[in-house]
PDB file of all heavy atoms in Angstrom:
ATOM      1  N   LYS A   1      96.147 123.692  97.170  1.00  0.00           N
ATOM      2  CA  LYS A   1      96.153 122.491  96.332  1.00  0.00           C
ATOM      3  C   LYS A   1      96.448 121.252  97.168  1.00  0.00           C
ATOM      4  O   LYS A   1      96.114 120.142  96.775  1.00  0.00           O
ATOM      5  CB  LYS A   1      97.171 122.628  95.199  1.00  0.00           C
ATOM      6  CG  LYS A   1      96.785 123.703  94.190  1.00  0.00           C
ATOM      7  CD  LYS A   1      95.397 123.469  93.610  1.00  0.00           C
ATOM      8  CE  LYS A   1      94.919 124.618  92.743  1.00  0.00           C
ATOM      9  NZ  LYS A   1      93.546 124.377  92.229  1.00  0.00           N
ATOM     10  N   ILE A   2      97.106 121.431  98.269  1.00  0.00           N
ATOM     11  CA  ILE A   2      97.240 120.392  99.283  1.00  0.00           C
ATOM     12  C   ILE A   2      96.950 121.044 100.632  1.00  0.00           C
ATOM     13  O   ILE A   2      97.065 122.269 100.777  1.00  0.00           O
ATOM     14  CB  ILE A   2      98.638 119.740  99.303  1.00  0.00           C
ATOM     15  CG1 ILE A   2      99.734 120.777  99.606  1.00  0.00           C
ATOM     16  CG2 ILE A   2      98.913 119.002  97.994  1.00  0.00           C
ATOM     17  CD1 ILE A   2     101.129 120.185  99.762  1.00  0.00           C
ATOM     18  N   SER A   3      96.562 120.232 101.582  1.00  0.00           N
ATOM     19  CA  SER A   3      96.285 120.778 102.908  1.00  0.00           C
ATOM     20  C   SER A   3      97.593 120.935 103.686  1.00  0.00           C
ATOM     21  O   SER A   3      98.633 120.384 103.307  1.00  0.00           O
ATOM     22  CB  SER A   3      95.337 119.855 103.669  1.00  0.00           C
ATOM     23  OG  SER A   3      95.984 118.616 103.949  1.00  0.00           O
ATOM     24  N   GLN A   4      97.507 121.690 104.779  1.00  0.00           N
ATOM     25  CA  GLN A   4      98.703 121.845 105.615  1.00  0.00           C
ATOM     26  C   GLN A   4      99.119 120.505 106.221  1.00  0.00           C
ATOM     27  O   GLN A   4     100.310 120.237 106.383  1.00  0.00           O
ATOM     28  CB  GLN A   4      98.413 122.855 106.733  1.00  0.00           C
ATOM     29  CG  GLN A   4      98.084 124.240 106.236  1.00  0.00           C
ATOM     30  CD  GLN A   4      98.897 125.327 106.933  1.00  0.00           C
ATOM     31  OE1 GLN A   4      99.437 125.108 108.009  1.00  0.00           O
ATOM     32  NE2 GLN A   4      98.975 126.484 106.295  1.00  0.00           N
ATOM     33  N   ALA A   5      98.128 119.656 106.513  1.00  0.00           N
ATOM     34  CA  ALA A   5      98.444 118.331 107.047  1.00  0.00           C
ATOM     35  C   ALA A   5      99.191 117.503 106.012  1.00  0.00           C
ATOM     36  O   ALA A   5     100.152 116.787 106.328  1.00  0.00           O
ATOM     37  CB  ALA A   5      97.164 117.620 107.481  1.00  0.00           C
ATOM     38  N   GLN A   6      98.755 117.609 104.749  1.00  0.00           N
ATOM     39  CA  GLN A   6      99.447 116.875 103.679  1.00  0.00           C
ATOM     40  C   GLN A   6     100.859 117.408 103.489  1.00  0.00           C
ATOM     41  O   GLN A   6     101.798 116.640 103.267  1.00  0.00           O
ATOM     42  CB  GLN A   6      98.654 116.997 102.372  1.00  0.00           C
ATOM     43  CG  GLN A   6      97.373 116.190 102.348  1.00  0.00           C
ATOM     44  CD  GLN A   6      96.574 116.449 101.078  1.00  0.00           C
ATOM     45  OE1 GLN A   6      96.368 117.597 100.677  1.00  0.00           O
ATOM     46  NE2 GLN A   6      96.123 115.375 100.450  1.00  0.00           N
ATOM     47  N   GLU A   7     101.006 118.718 103.591  1.00  0.00           N
ATOM     48  CA  GLU A   7     102.343 119.301 103.476  1.00  0.00           C
ATOM     49  C   GLU A   7     103.269 118.715 104.537  1.00  0.00           C
ATOM     50  O   GLU A   7     104.417 118.346 104.244  1.00  0.00           O
ATOM     51  CB  GLU A   7     102.273 120.817 103.627  1.00  0.00           C
ATOM     52  CG  GLU A   7     103.638 121.486 103.567  1.00  0.00           C
ATOM     53  CD  GLU A   7     103.594 122.955 103.948  1.00  0.00           C
ATOM     54  OE1 GLU A   7     102.503 123.453 104.279  1.00  0.00           O
ATOM     55  OE2 GLU A   7     104.664 123.597 103.932  1.00  0.00           O
ATOM     56  N   GLN A   8     102.776 118.612 105.760  1.00  0.00           N
ATOM     57  CA  GLN A   8     103.587 118.066 106.838  1.00  0.00           C
ATOM     58  C   GLN A   8     103.914 116.590 106.596  1.00  0.00           C
ATOM     59  O   GLN A   8     105.004 116.120 106.937  1.00  0.00           O
ATOM     60  CB  GLN A   8     102.863 118.239 108.179  1.00  0.00           C
ATOM     61  CG  GLN A   8     102.728 119.688 108.613  1.00  0.00           C
ATOM     62  CD  GLN A   8     104.066 120.415 108.640  1.00  0.00           C
ATOM     63  OE1 GLN A   8     105.057 119.908 109.180  1.00  0.00           O
ATOM     64  NE2 GLN A   8     104.094 121.612 108.048  1.00  0.00           N
ATOM     65  N   GLN A   9     102.964 115.872 106.003  1.00  0.00           N
ATOM     66  CA  GLN A   9     103.225 114.459 105.679  1.00  0.00           C
ATOM     67  C   GLN A   9     104.350 114.340 104.654  1.00  0.00           C
ATOM     68  O   GLN A   9     105.250 113.502 104.789  1.00  0.00           O
ATOM     69  CB  GLN A   9     101.956 113.803 105.140  1.00  0.00           C
ATOM     70  CG  GLN A   9     100.879 113.565 106.186  1.00  0.00           C
ATOM     71  CD  GLN A   9      99.619 112.984 105.576  1.00  0.00           C
ATOM     72  OE1 GLN A   9      99.510 112.843 104.365  1.00  0.00           O
ATOM     73  NE2 GLN A   9      98.658 112.656 106.424  1.00  0.00           N
ATOM     74  N   TYR A  10     104.331 115.190 103.637  1.00  0.00           N
ATOM     75  CA  TYR A  10     105.381 115.151 102.619  1.00  0.00           C
ATOM     76  C   TYR A  10     106.728 115.523 103.229  1.00  0.00           C
ATOM     77  O   TYR A  10     107.758 114.908 102.916  1.00  0.00           O
ATOM     78  CB  TYR A  10     105.049 116.096 101.461  1.00  0.00           C
ATOM     79  CG  TYR A  10     103.880 115.639 100.614  1.00  0.00           C
ATOM     80  CD1 TYR A  10     102.813 116.496 100.355  1.00  0.00           C
ATOM     81  CD2 TYR A  10     103.845 114.361 100.067  1.00  0.00           C
ATOM     82  CE1 TYR A  10     101.747 116.095  99.572  1.00  0.00           C
ATOM     83  CE2 TYR A  10     102.778 113.946  99.286  1.00  0.00           C
ATOM     84  CZ  TYR A  10     101.724 114.817  99.042  1.00  0.00           C
ATOM     85  OH  TYR A  10     100.666 114.403  98.276  1.00  0.00           O
ATOM     86  N   LEU A  11     106.706 116.530 104.097  1.00  0.00           N
ATOM     87  CA  LEU A  11     107.956 116.941 104.725  1.00  0.00           C
ATOM     88  C   LEU A  11     108.495 115.840 105.639  1.00  0.00           C
ATOM     89  O   LEU A  11     109.703 115.591 105.690  1.00  0.00           O
ATOM     90  CB  LEU A  11     107.737 118.230 105.516  1.00  0.00           C
ATOM     91  CG  LEU A  11     107.454 119.490 104.691  1.00  0.00           C
ATOM     92  CD1 LEU A  11     107.092 120.652 105.607  1.00  0.00           C
ATOM     93  CD2 LEU A  11     108.654 119.855 103.823  1.00  0.00           C
ATOM     94  N   ALA A  12     107.578 115.186 106.362  1.00  0.00           N
ATOM     95  CA  ALA A  12     108.000 114.113 107.269  1.00  0.00           C
ATOM     96  C   ALA A  12     108.567 112.926 106.495  1.00  0.00           C
ATOM     97  O   ALA A  12     109.466 112.220 106.976  1.00  0.00           O
ATOM     98  CB  ALA A  12     106.820 113.671 108.128  1.00  0.00           C
ATOM     99  N   ALA A  13     108.045 112.696 105.296  1.00  0.00           N
ATOM    100  CA  ALA A  13     108.534 111.575 104.477  1.00  0.00           C
ATOM    101  C   ALA A  13     109.958 111.815 103.999  1.00  0.00           C
ATOM    102  O   ALA A  13     110.685 110.872 103.662  1.00  0.00           O
ATOM    103  CB  ALA A  13     107.607 111.350 103.291  1.00  0.00           C
ATOM    104  N   GLY A  14     110.362 113.077 103.976  1.00  0.00           N
ATOM    105  CA  GLY A  14     111.735 113.387 103.607  1.00  0.00           C
ATOM    106  C   GLY A  14     111.900 113.748 102.146  1.00  0.00           C
ATOM    107  O   GLY A  14     111.044 113.461 101.293  1.00  0.00           O
ATOM    108  N   PHE A  15     113.013 114.384 101.876  1.00  0.00           N
ATOM    109  CA  PHE A  15     113.331 114.830 100.517  1.00  0.00           C
ATOM    110  C   PHE A  15     113.508 113.626  99.592  1.00  0.00           C
ATOM    111  O   PHE A  15     114.266 112.701  99.904  1.00  0.00           O
ATOM    112  CB  PHE A  15     114.613 115.658 100.556  1.00  0.00           C
ATOM    113  CG  PHE A  15     115.118 116.089  99.209  1.00  0.00           C
ATOM    114  CD1 PHE A  15     114.389 116.966  98.416  1.00  0.00           C
ATOM    115  CD2 PHE A  15     116.333 115.618  98.722  1.00  0.00           C
ATOM    116  CE1 PHE A  15     114.857 117.375  97.180  1.00  0.00           C
ATOM    117  CE2 PHE A  15     116.818 116.014  97.493  1.00  0.00           C
ATOM    118  CZ  PHE A  15     116.072 116.900  96.712  1.00  0.00           C
ATOM    119  N   PRO A  16     112.840 113.615  98.441  1.00  0.00           N
ATOM    120  CA  PRO A  16     112.967 112.482  97.512  1.00  0.00           C
ATOM    121  C   PRO A  16     114.265 112.571  96.705  1.00  0.00           C
ATOM    122  O   PRO A  16     114.277 113.053  95.566  1.00  0.00           O
ATOM    123  CB  PRO A  16     111.729 112.632  96.619  1.00  0.00           C
ATOM    124  CG  PRO A  16     111.458 114.102  96.594  1.00  0.00           C
ATOM    125  CD  PRO A  16     111.860 114.615  97.964  1.00  0.00           C
ATOM    126  N   THR A  17     115.345 112.116  97.293  1.00  0.00           N
ATOM    127  CA  THR A  17     116.656 112.209  96.638  1.00  0.00           C
ATOM    128  C   THR A  17     116.616 111.526  95.275  1.00  0.00           C
ATOM    129  O   THR A  17     116.149 110.394  95.157  1.00  0.00           O
ATOM    130  CB  THR A  17     117.733 111.537  97.504  1.00  0.00           C
ATOM    131  OG1 THR A  17     117.732 112.154  98.796  1.00  0.00           O
ATOM    132  CG2 THR A  17     119.108 111.681  96.868  1.00  0.00           C
ATOM    133  N   PRO A  18     117.077 112.208  94.235  1.00  0.00           N
ATOM    134  CA  PRO A  18     117.065 111.585  92.908  1.00  0.00           C
ATOM    135  C   PRO A  18     117.983 110.365  92.834  1.00  0.00           C
ATOM    136  O   PRO A  18     118.929 110.230  93.612  1.00  0.00           O
ATOM    137  CB  PRO A  18     117.558 112.689  91.975  1.00  0.00           C
ATOM    138  CG  PRO A  18     117.832 113.871  92.802  1.00  0.00           C
ATOM    139  CD  PRO A  18     117.598 113.561  94.225  1.00  0.00           C
ATOM    140  N   LYS A  19     117.690 109.502  91.873  1.00  0.00           N
ATOM    141  CA  LYS A  19     118.533 108.325  91.634  1.00  0.00           C
ATOM    142  C   LYS A  19     119.890 108.776  91.088  1.00  0.00           C
ATOM    143  O   LYS A  19     120.020 109.865  90.528  1.00  0.00           O
ATOM    144  CB  LYS A  19     117.867 107.389  90.619  1.00  0.00           C
ATOM    145  CG  LYS A  19     116.471 106.924  91.006  1.00  0.00           C
ATOM    146  CD  LYS A  19     116.523 105.883  92.080  1.00  0.00           C
ATOM    147  CE  LYS A  19     115.124 105.326  92.348  1.00  0.00           C
ATOM    148  NZ  LYS A  19     115.115 104.339  93.439  1.00  0.00           N
ATOM    149  N   PRO A  20     120.906 107.945  91.255  1.00  0.00           N
ATOM    150  CA  PRO A  20     122.220 108.296  90.680  1.00  0.00           C
ATOM    151  C   PRO A  20     122.120 108.531  89.181  1.00  0.00           C
ATOM    152  O   PRO A  20     121.336 107.877  88.486  1.00  0.00           O
ATOM    153  CB  PRO A  20     123.079 107.070  91.009  1.00  0.00           C
ATOM    154  CG  PRO A  20     122.417 106.449  92.199  1.00  0.00           C
ATOM    155  CD  PRO A  20     120.945 106.689  92.016  1.00  0.00           C
ATOM    156  N   TYR A  21     122.904 109.448  88.721  1.00  0.00           N
ATOM    157  CA  TYR A  21     122.885 109.818  87.303  1.00  0.00           C
ATOM    158  C   TYR A  21     123.832 108.925  86.516  1.00  0.00           C
ATOM    159  O   TYR A  21     125.021 108.857  86.812  1.00  0.00           O
ATOM    160  CB  TYR A  21     123.293 111.280  87.145  1.00  0.00           C
ATOM    161  CG  TYR A  21     123.335 111.780  85.718  1.00  0.00           C
ATOM    162  CD1 TYR A  21     122.412 111.347  84.771  1.00  0.00           C
ATOM    163  CD2 TYR A  21     124.300 112.703  85.321  1.00  0.00           C
ATOM    164  CE1 TYR A  21     122.442 111.826  83.472  1.00  0.00           C
ATOM    165  CE2 TYR A  21     124.338 113.192  84.028  1.00  0.00           C
ATOM    166  CZ  TYR A  21     123.406 112.743  83.099  1.00  0.00           C
ATOM    167  OH  TYR A  21     123.445 113.213  81.810  1.00  0.00           O
ATOM    168  N   THR A  22     123.283 108.256  85.532  1.00  0.00           N
ATOM    169  CA  THR A  22     124.080 107.433  84.633  1.00  0.00           C
ATOM    170  C   THR A  22     123.905 107.960  83.220  1.00  0.00           C
ATOM    171  O   THR A  22     122.854 107.747  82.604  1.00  0.00           O
ATOM    172  CB  THR A  22     123.654 105.958  84.679  1.00  0.00           C
ATOM    173  OG1 THR A  22     123.710 105.501  86.036  1.00  0.00           O
ATOM    174  CG2 THR A  22     124.561 105.103  83.803  1.00  0.00           C
ATOM    175  N   PRO A  23     124.881 108.704  82.685  1.00  0.00           N
ATOM    176  CA  PRO A  23     124.742 109.220  81.317  1.00  0.00           C
ATOM    177  C   PRO A  23     124.519 108.090  80.325  1.00  0.00           C
ATOM    178  O   PRO A  23     124.994 106.970  80.512  1.00  0.00           O
ATOM    179  CB  PRO A  23     126.090 109.920  81.068  1.00  0.00           C
ATOM    180  CG  PRO A  23     126.630 110.196  82.432  1.00  0.00           C
ATOM    181  CD  PRO A  23     126.153 109.072  83.300  1.00  0.00           C
ATOM    182  N   SER A  24     123.776 108.399  79.288  1.00  0.00           N
ATOM    183  CA  SER A  24     123.472 107.391  78.275  1.00  0.00           C
ATOM    184  C   SER A  24     124.752 106.861  77.648  1.00  0.00           C
ATOM    185  O   SER A  24     125.661 107.622  77.300  1.00  0.00           O
ATOM    186  CB  SER A  24     122.580 107.992  77.188  1.00  0.00           C
ATOM    187  OG  SER A  24     122.391 107.077  76.132  1.00  0.00           O
ATOM    188  N   GLY A  25     124.821 105.535  77.521  1.00  0.00           N
ATOM    189  CA  GLY A  25     125.998 104.911  76.938  1.00  0.00           C
ATOM    190  C   GLY A  25     125.954 104.837  75.427  1.00  0.00           C
ATOM    191  O   GLY A  25     126.811 104.229  74.811  1.00  0.00           O
ATOM    192  N   GLY A  26     124.927 105.422  74.837  1.00  0.00           N
ATOM    193  CA  GLY A  26     124.814 105.382  73.395  1.00  0.00           C
ATOM    194  C   GLY A  26     124.530 103.979  72.896  1.00  0.00           C
ATOM    195  O   GLY A  26     123.808 103.210  73.517  1.00  0.00           O
ATOM    196  N   MET A  27     125.112 103.642  71.766  1.00  0.00           N
ATOM    197  CA  MET A  27     124.837 102.364  71.119  1.00  0.00           C
ATOM    198  C   MET A  27     126.017 101.406  71.229  1.00  0.00           C
ATOM    199  O   MET A  27     126.186 100.521  70.400  1.00  0.00           O
ATOM    200  CB  MET A  27     124.495 102.595  69.640  1.00  0.00           C
ATOM    201  CG  MET A  27     123.237 103.408  69.433  1.00  0.00           C
ATOM    202  SD  MET A  27     121.749 102.523  69.936  1.00  0.00           S
ATOM    203  CE  MET A  27     120.885 103.815  70.795  1.00  0.00           C
ATOM    204  N   ALA A  28     126.840 101.573  72.253  1.00  0.00           N
ATOM    205  CA  ALA A  28     128.006 100.710  72.414  1.00  0.00           C
ATOM    206  C   ALA A  28     127.589  99.317  72.868  1.00  0.00           C
ATOM    207  O   ALA A  28     126.471  99.086  73.323  1.00  0.00           O
ATOM    208  CB  ALA A  28     128.979 101.322  73.416  1.00  0.00           C
ATOM    209  N   GLY A  29     128.533  98.381  72.757  1.00  0.00           N
ATOM    210  CA  GLY A  29     128.273  97.014  73.193  1.00  0.00           C
ATOM    211  C   GLY A  29     127.131  96.379  72.428  1.00  0.00           C
ATOM    212  O   GLY A  29     126.998  96.546  71.215  1.00  0.00           O
ATOM    213  N   GLN A  30     126.273  95.671  73.141  1.00  0.00           N
ATOM    214  CA  GLN A  30     125.144  94.994  72.503  1.00  0.00           C
ATOM    215  C   GLN A  30     123.971  95.935  72.241  1.00  0.00           C
ATOM    216  O   GLN A  30     123.029  95.571  71.531  1.00  0.00           O
ATOM    217  CB  GLN A  30     124.686  93.819  73.365  1.00  0.00           C
ATOM    218  CG  GLN A  30     125.736  92.738  73.549  1.00  0.00           C
ATOM    219  CD  GLN A  30     126.312  92.268  72.227  1.00  0.00           C
ATOM    220  OE1 GLN A  30     125.593  91.761  71.369  1.00  0.00           O
ATOM    221  NE2 GLN A  30     127.614  92.437  72.056  1.00  0.00           N
ATOM    222  N   THR A  31     124.020  97.146  72.800  1.00  0.00           N
ATOM    223  CA  THR A  31     122.871  98.046  72.700  1.00  0.00           C
ATOM    224  C   THR A  31     122.486  98.328  71.258  1.00  0.00           C
ATOM    225  O   THR A  31     121.300  98.319  70.903  1.00  0.00           O
ATOM    226  CB  THR A  31     123.170  99.372  73.430  1.00  0.00           C
ATOM    227  OG1 THR A  31     123.501  99.093  74.786  1.00  0.00           O
ATOM    228  CG2 THR A  31     121.964 100.286  73.385  1.00  0.00           C
ATOM    229  N   GLY A  32     123.468  98.590  70.414  1.00  0.00           N
ATOM    230  CA  GLY A  32     123.166  98.891  69.016  1.00  0.00           C
ATOM    231  C   GLY A  32     122.427  97.761  68.328  1.00  0.00           C
ATOM    232  O   GLY A  32     121.471  97.993  67.573  1.00  0.00           O
ATOM    233  N   TYR A  33     122.843  96.526  68.580  1.00  0.00           N
ATOM    234  CA  TYR A  33     122.187  95.376  67.950  1.00  0.00           C
ATOM    235  C   TYR A  33     120.764  95.200  68.483  1.00  0.00           C
ATOM    236  O   TYR A  33     119.842  94.871  67.728  1.00  0.00           O
ATOM    237  CB  TYR A  33     122.994  94.099  68.204  1.00  0.00           C
ATOM    238  CG  TYR A  33     124.442  94.200  67.801  1.00  0.00           C
ATOM    239  CD1 TYR A  33     125.464  93.965  68.718  1.00  0.00           C
ATOM    240  CD2 TYR A  33     124.809  94.551  66.502  1.00  0.00           C
ATOM    241  CE1 TYR A  33     126.797  94.060  68.364  1.00  0.00           C
ATOM    242  CE2 TYR A  33     126.140  94.651  66.138  1.00  0.00           C
ATOM    243  CZ  TYR A  33     127.134  94.404  67.071  1.00  0.00           C
ATOM    244  OH  TYR A  33     128.453  94.510  66.708  1.00  0.00           O
ATOM    245  N   LEU A  34     120.581  95.414  69.780  1.00  0.00           N
ATOM    246  CA  LEU A  34     119.259  95.274  70.378  1.00  0.00           C
ATOM    247  C   LEU A  34     118.306  96.320  69.811  1.00  0.00           C
ATOM    248  O   LEU A  34     117.169  96.002  69.424  1.00  0.00           O
ATOM    249  CB  LEU A  34     119.352  95.413  71.895  1.00  0.00           C
ATOM    250  CG  LEU A  34     120.205  94.378  72.632  1.00  0.00           C
ATOM    251  CD1 LEU A  34     120.334  94.749  74.103  1.00  0.00           C
ATOM    252  CD2 LEU A  34     119.625  92.981  72.502  1.00  0.00           C
ATOM    253  N   VAL A  35     118.767  97.558  69.758  1.00  0.00           N
ATOM    254  CA  VAL A  35     117.934  98.639  69.230  1.00  0.00           C
ATOM    255  C   VAL A  35     117.621  98.406  67.761  1.00  0.00           C
ATOM    256  O   VAL A  35     116.481  98.584  67.309  1.00  0.00           O
ATOM    257  CB  VAL A  35     118.630 100.001  69.440  1.00  0.00           C
ATOM    258  CG1 VAL A  35     117.955 101.101  68.625  1.00  0.00           C
ATOM    259  CG2 VAL A  35     118.642 100.366  70.921  1.00  0.00           C
ATOM    260  N   ASP A  36     118.617  97.990  66.998  1.00  0.00           N
ATOM    261  CA  ASP A  36     118.414  97.758  65.567  1.00  0.00           C
ATOM    262  C   ASP A  36     117.416  96.628  65.332  1.00  0.00           C
ATOM    263  O   ASP A  36     116.544  96.713  64.468  1.00  0.00           O
ATOM    264  CB  ASP A  36     119.754  97.437  64.899  1.00  0.00           C
ATOM    265  CG  ASP A  36     119.664  97.459  63.383  1.00  0.00           C
ATOM    266  OD1 ASP A  36     119.139  98.441  62.836  1.00  0.00           O
ATOM    267  OD2 ASP A  36     120.112  96.488  62.753  1.00  0.00           O
ATOM    268  N   THR A  37     117.528  95.552  66.107  1.00  0.00           N
ATOM    269  CA  THR A  37     116.601  94.435  65.979  1.00  0.00           C
ATOM    270  C   THR A  37     115.180  94.880  66.310  1.00  0.00           C
ATOM    271  O   THR A  37     114.222  94.552  65.592  1.00  0.00           O
ATOM    272  CB  THR A  37     117.015  93.282  66.914  1.00  0.00           C
ATOM    273  OG1 THR A  37     118.316  92.823  66.540  1.00  0.00           O
ATOM    274  CG2 THR A  37     116.033  92.124  66.833  1.00  0.00           C
ATOM    275  N   ALA A  38     115.036  95.635  67.384  1.00  0.00           N
ATOM    276  CA  ALA A  38     113.704  96.114  67.770  1.00  0.00           C
ATOM    277  C   ALA A  38     113.147  97.080  66.732  1.00  0.00           C
ATOM    278  O   ALA A  38     111.952  97.028  66.398  1.00  0.00           O
ATOM    279  CB  ALA A  38     113.779  96.791  69.139  1.00  0.00           C
ATOM    280  N   GLN A  39     113.983  97.958  66.202  1.00  0.00           N
ATOM    281  CA  GLN A  39     113.510  98.919  65.209  1.00  0.00           C
ATOM    282  C   GLN A  39     113.044  98.208  63.947  1.00  0.00           C
ATOM    283  O   GLN A  39     111.997  98.555  63.379  1.00  0.00           O
ATOM    284  CB  GLN A  39     114.612  99.920  64.870  1.00  0.00           C
ATOM    285  CG  GLN A  39     114.174 100.979  63.861  1.00  0.00           C
ATOM    286  CD  GLN A  39     115.210 102.061  63.653  1.00  0.00           C
ATOM    287  OE1 GLN A  39     116.007 102.346  64.541  1.00  0.00           O
ATOM    288  NE2 GLN A  39     115.216 102.667  62.480  1.00  0.00           N
ATOM    289  N   LYS A  40     113.777  97.217  63.502  1.00  0.00           N
ATOM    290  CA  LYS A  40     113.355  96.465  62.320  1.00  0.00           C
ATOM    291  C   LYS A  40     112.035  95.755  62.580  1.00  0.00           C
ATOM    292  O   LYS A  40     111.175  95.668  61.700  1.00  0.00           O
ATOM    293  CB  LYS A  40     114.437  95.456  61.924  1.00  0.00           C
ATOM    294  CG  LYS A  40     115.678  96.094  61.324  1.00  0.00           C
ATOM    295  CD  LYS A  40     116.628  95.038  60.780  1.00  0.00           C
ATOM    296  CE  LYS A  40     117.163  94.158  61.876  1.00  0.00           C
ATOM    297  NZ  LYS A  40     118.076  93.118  61.357  1.00  0.00           N
ATOM    298  N   TYR A  41     111.874  95.239  63.792  1.00  0.00           N
ATOM    299  CA  TYR A  41     110.622  94.562  64.124  1.00  0.00           C
ATOM    300  C   TYR A  41     109.454  95.550  64.089  1.00  0.00           C
ATOM    301  O   TYR A  41     108.371  95.239  63.582  1.00  0.00           O
ATOM    302  CB  TYR A  41     110.725  93.906  65.503  1.00  0.00           C
ATOM    303  CG  TYR A  41     109.551  93.026  65.834  1.00  0.00           C
ATOM    304  CD1 TYR A  41     109.548  91.676  65.472  1.00  0.00           C
ATOM    305  CD2 TYR A  41     108.432  93.530  66.489  1.00  0.00           C
ATOM    306  CE1 TYR A  41     108.466  90.863  65.761  1.00  0.00           C
ATOM    307  CE2 TYR A  41     107.342  92.730  66.778  1.00  0.00           C
ATOM    308  CZ  TYR A  41     107.368  91.390  66.411  1.00  0.00           C
ATOM    309  OH  TYR A  41     106.270  90.597  66.688  1.00  0.00           O
ATOM    310  N   VAL A  42     109.671  96.751  64.627  1.00  0.00           N
ATOM    311  CA  VAL A  42     108.619  97.771  64.611  1.00  0.00           C
ATOM    312  C   VAL A  42     108.227  98.109  63.178  1.00  0.00           C
ATOM    313  O   VAL A  42     107.037  98.191  62.838  1.00  0.00           O
ATOM    314  CB  VAL A  42     109.094  99.040  65.357  1.00  0.00           C
ATOM    315  CG1 VAL A  42     108.133 100.201  65.116  1.00  0.00           C
ATOM    316  CG2 VAL A  42     109.210  98.761  66.849  1.00  0.00           C
ATOM    317  N   GLU A  43     109.209  98.308  62.318  1.00  0.00           N
ATOM    318  CA  GLU A  43     108.919  98.649  60.930  1.00  0.00           C
ATOM    319  C   GLU A  43     108.179  97.518  60.216  1.00  0.00           C
ATOM    320  O   GLU A  43     107.306  97.767  59.381  1.00  0.00           O
ATOM    321  CB  GLU A  43     110.220  98.972  60.200  1.00  0.00           C
ATOM    322  CG  GLU A  43     110.886 100.254  60.673  1.00  0.00           C
ATOM    323  CD  GLU A  43     112.209 100.495  59.978  1.00  0.00           C
ATOM    324  OE1 GLU A  43     112.446  99.890  58.911  1.00  0.00           O
ATOM    325  OE2 GLU A  43     113.022 101.283  60.497  1.00  0.00           O
ATOM    326  N   ALA A  44     108.525  96.279  60.551  1.00  0.00           N
ATOM    327  CA  ALA A  44     107.910  95.135  59.880  1.00  0.00           C
ATOM    328  C   ALA A  44     106.490  94.873  60.360  1.00  0.00           C
ATOM    329  O   ALA A  44     105.711  94.208  59.669  1.00  0.00           O
ATOM    330  CB  ALA A  44     108.763  93.881  60.096  1.00  0.00           C
ATOM    331  N   HIS A  45     106.128  95.377  61.546  1.00  0.00           N
ATOM    332  CA  HIS A  45     104.816  95.067  62.119  1.00  0.00           C
ATOM    333  C   HIS A  45     103.951  96.305  62.312  1.00  0.00           C
ATOM    334  O   HIS A  45     102.995  96.282  63.090  1.00  0.00           O
ATOM    335  CB  HIS A  45     105.001  94.326  63.451  1.00  0.00           C
ATOM    336  CG  HIS A  45     105.568  92.952  63.286  1.00  0.00           C
ATOM    337  ND1 HIS A  45     106.920  92.732  63.108  1.00  0.00           N
ATOM    338  CD2 HIS A  45     104.989  91.725  63.250  1.00  0.00           C
ATOM    339  CE1 HIS A  45     107.145  91.437  62.971  1.00  0.00           C
ATOM    340  NE2 HIS A  45     105.991  90.817  63.050  1.00  0.00           N
TER     341      HIS A  45
END
């Protein structure tokens, strides 16, 4: 599915380290108001 040359290119590029994990903050702070405003807009349109 890939050539051996492509495999070597991927290996040379290095391991794609994942981004830091940030658990979802839920609806705290302004998030709840932003989501609610957007949801109402979706329903209205």
